[in-house]
């Protein structure tokens, strides 16, 4: 059996309110689900960026 694919994502989000934060989080996760491995966006109420790597140490991998 082959090793499963593992990627580590780092997401940083800021928001002027709870709803602005949630909107930014939703958009970042949508981009990740659409296959983007990095990205960013901002407006007057919120901002986010995310990045990923496939260099994940064994001690950071989820238990299987």
N, C-alpha and C. Protein backbone atom coordinates (compact mmCIF):
# COMPACT_ATOMS: atom_id res chain seq x y z
N UNK A 1 0.85 -1.17 0.00
CA UNK A 1 0.00 0.00 0.00
C UNK A 1 0.90 1.24 0.00
N UNK A 2 0.52 2.25 -0.76
CA UNK A 2 1.31 3.47 -0.86
C UNK A 2 0.99 4.42 0.29
N UNK A 3 1.93 5.35 0.52
CA UNK A 3 1.76 6.38 1.56
C UNK A 3 0.66 7.35 1.15
N UNK A 4 -0.25 7.71 2.07
CA UNK A 4 -1.30 8.68 1.72
C UNK A 4 -0.69 10.05 1.43
N UNK A 5 -1.39 10.84 0.63
CA UNK A 5 -0.96 12.21 0.34
C UNK A 5 -1.25 13.06 1.57
N UNK A 6 -0.25 13.82 2.00
CA UNK A 6 -0.41 14.68 3.16
C UNK A 6 0.08 16.08 2.80
N UNK A 7 -0.71 17.09 3.10
CA UNK A 7 -0.32 18.49 2.92
C UNK A 7 -0.61 19.23 4.22
N UNK A 8 0.23 20.16 4.54
CA UNK A 8 0.04 21.00 5.72
C UNK A 8 -0.33 22.40 5.24
N UNK A 9 -1.48 22.90 5.69
CA UNK A 9 -1.93 24.24 5.33
C UNK A 9 -1.78 25.16 6.52
N UNK A 10 -1.33 26.38 6.24
CA UNK A 10 -1.29 27.45 7.23
C UNK A 10 -2.22 28.54 6.73
N UNK A 11 -3.18 28.92 7.55
CA UNK A 11 -4.16 29.95 7.18
C UNK A 11 -4.11 31.05 8.24
N UNK A 12 -4.00 32.29 7.79
CA UNK A 12 -4.02 33.45 8.69
C UNK A 12 -5.19 34.33 8.26
N UNK A 13 -6.07 34.65 9.21
CA UNK A 13 -7.30 35.40 8.92
C UNK A 13 -7.44 36.54 9.92
N UNK A 14 -7.85 37.72 9.44
CA UNK A 14 -8.22 38.82 10.31
C UNK A 14 -9.60 39.32 9.89
N UNK A 15 -10.34 39.84 10.84
CA UNK A 15 -11.66 40.38 10.53
C UNK A 15 -12.05 41.45 11.53
N UNK A 16 -12.77 42.47 11.06
CA UNK A 16 -13.21 43.56 11.91
C UNK A 16 -14.41 43.16 12.78
N UNK A 17 -15.03 42.04 12.45
CA UNK A 17 -16.17 41.53 13.22
C UNK A 17 -16.21 40.02 13.07
N UNK A 18 -17.03 39.39 13.88
CA UNK A 18 -17.16 37.94 13.78
C UNK A 18 -17.64 37.52 12.39
N UNK A 19 -18.60 38.25 11.85
CA UNK A 19 -19.13 37.86 10.54
C UNK A 19 -18.11 38.10 9.44
N UNK A 20 -17.32 39.16 9.53
CA UNK A 20 -16.28 39.40 8.53
C UNK A 20 -15.22 38.31 8.60
N UNK A 21 -14.86 37.91 9.82
CA UNK A 21 -13.91 36.81 10.01
C UNK A 21 -14.46 35.53 9.39
N UNK A 22 -15.70 35.21 9.67
CA UNK A 22 -16.32 33.99 9.14
C UNK A 22 -16.38 34.01 7.62
N UNK A 23 -16.69 35.17 7.03
CA UNK A 23 -16.72 35.27 5.57
C UNK A 23 -15.33 35.00 4.98
N UNK A 24 -14.29 35.55 5.60
CA UNK A 24 -12.92 35.33 5.11
C UNK A 24 -12.54 33.86 5.26
N UNK A 25 -12.90 33.26 6.38
CA UNK A 25 -12.59 31.84 6.61
C UNK A 25 -13.30 30.97 5.57
N UNK A 26 -14.55 31.26 5.33
CA UNK A 26 -15.32 30.50 4.34
C UNK A 26 -14.68 30.60 2.96
N UNK A 27 -14.25 31.80 2.59
CA UNK A 27 -13.63 31.99 1.28
C UNK A 27 -12.28 31.26 1.18
N UNK A 28 -11.47 31.32 2.22
CA UNK A 28 -10.19 30.61 2.21
C UNK A 28 -10.42 29.11 2.07
N UNK A 29 -11.36 28.56 2.81
CA UNK A 29 -11.64 27.13 2.73
C UNK A 29 -12.23 26.75 1.38
N UNK A 30 -13.03 27.62 0.79
CA UNK A 30 -13.56 27.35 -0.55
C UNK A 30 -12.43 27.23 -1.57
N UNK A 31 -11.47 28.14 -1.49
CA UNK A 31 -10.34 28.09 -2.41
C UNK A 31 -9.52 26.81 -2.24
N UNK A 32 -9.32 26.41 -0.99
CA UNK A 32 -8.59 25.17 -0.72
C UNK A 32 -9.36 23.98 -1.30
N UNK A 33 -10.66 23.93 -1.07
CA UNK A 33 -11.49 22.84 -1.61
C UNK A 33 -11.47 22.83 -3.13
N UNK A 34 -11.32 24.02 -3.74
CA UNK A 34 -11.24 24.11 -5.20
C UNK A 34 -9.87 23.73 -5.75
N UNK A 35 -8.92 23.39 -4.86
CA UNK A 35 -7.63 22.89 -5.31
C UNK A 35 -6.47 23.87 -5.22
N UNK A 36 -6.72 25.08 -4.74
CA UNK A 36 -5.63 26.04 -4.60
C UNK A 36 -4.73 25.64 -3.43
N UNK A 37 -3.42 25.76 -3.62
CA UNK A 37 -2.46 25.41 -2.59
C UNK A 37 -1.95 26.65 -1.84
N UNK A 38 -2.20 27.83 -2.39
CA UNK A 38 -1.89 29.08 -1.71
C UNK A 38 -2.81 30.16 -2.27
N UNK A 39 -2.99 31.22 -1.50
CA UNK A 39 -3.85 32.30 -1.97
C UNK A 39 -3.99 33.38 -0.94
N UNK A 40 -4.64 34.48 -1.34
CA UNK A 40 -4.88 35.60 -0.43
C UNK A 40 -6.02 36.45 -0.99
N UNK A 41 -6.60 37.25 -0.10
CA UNK A 41 -7.62 38.19 -0.49
C UNK A 41 -7.83 39.15 0.67
N UNK A 42 -8.32 40.34 0.37
CA UNK A 42 -8.62 41.29 1.44
C UNK A 42 -9.66 42.29 0.95
N UNK A 43 -10.33 42.90 1.91
CA UNK A 43 -11.24 44.01 1.66
C UNK A 43 -11.20 44.91 2.89
N UNK A 44 -12.09 45.85 3.00
CA UNK A 44 -12.04 46.79 4.11
C UNK A 44 -12.42 46.18 5.46
N UNK A 45 -12.99 44.97 5.45
CA UNK A 45 -13.42 44.34 6.70
C UNK A 45 -12.61 43.12 7.11
N UNK A 46 -11.93 42.46 6.15
CA UNK A 46 -11.23 41.24 6.49
C UNK A 46 -10.11 40.97 5.49
N UNK A 47 -9.24 40.05 5.89
CA UNK A 47 -8.14 39.64 5.02
C UNK A 47 -7.74 38.22 5.39
N UNK A 48 -7.18 37.51 4.44
CA UNK A 48 -6.63 36.18 4.72
C UNK A 48 -5.52 35.87 3.74
N UNK A 49 -4.67 34.97 4.16
CA UNK A 49 -3.75 34.32 3.24
C UNK A 49 -3.56 32.89 3.71
N UNK A 50 -3.20 32.04 2.77
CA UNK A 50 -2.90 30.66 3.13
C UNK A 50 -1.81 30.13 2.22
N UNK A 51 -1.12 29.15 2.74
CA UNK A 51 -0.04 28.51 2.01
C UNK A 51 -0.03 27.04 2.44
N UNK A 52 0.66 26.21 1.68
CA UNK A 52 0.72 24.80 2.03
C UNK A 52 2.06 24.21 1.64
N UNK A 53 2.33 23.06 2.20
CA UNK A 53 3.56 22.33 1.89
C UNK A 53 3.27 20.84 1.97
N UNK A 54 4.04 20.07 1.20
CA UNK A 54 3.94 18.62 1.33
C UNK A 54 5.09 18.08 2.19
N UNK A 55 5.89 18.97 2.74
CA UNK A 55 6.97 18.59 3.66
C UNK A 55 6.43 18.61 5.09
N UNK A 56 5.80 17.52 5.47
CA UNK A 56 5.14 17.42 6.77
C UNK A 56 5.89 16.39 7.61
N UNK A 57 6.49 16.82 8.73
CA UNK A 57 7.19 15.87 9.59
C UNK A 57 6.25 14.77 10.08
N UNK A 58 6.80 13.60 10.28
CA UNK A 58 5.98 12.46 10.73
C UNK A 58 5.21 12.77 12.01
N UNK A 59 5.81 13.53 12.93
CA UNK A 59 5.12 13.81 14.21
C UNK A 59 3.98 14.80 14.05
N UNK A 60 3.81 15.42 12.87
CA UNK A 60 2.70 16.34 12.61
C UNK A 60 1.61 15.72 11.76
N UNK A 61 1.80 14.49 11.32
CA UNK A 61 0.81 13.82 10.50
C UNK A 61 -0.31 13.29 11.40
N UNK A 62 -1.55 13.33 10.90
CA UNK A 62 -2.66 12.79 11.69
C UNK A 62 -2.52 11.28 11.89
N UNK A 63 -3.02 10.80 12.99
CA UNK A 63 -3.03 9.36 13.24
C UNK A 63 -3.96 8.68 12.25
N UNK A 64 -3.60 7.49 11.87
CA UNK A 64 -4.45 6.75 10.93
C UNK A 64 -5.00 5.51 11.57
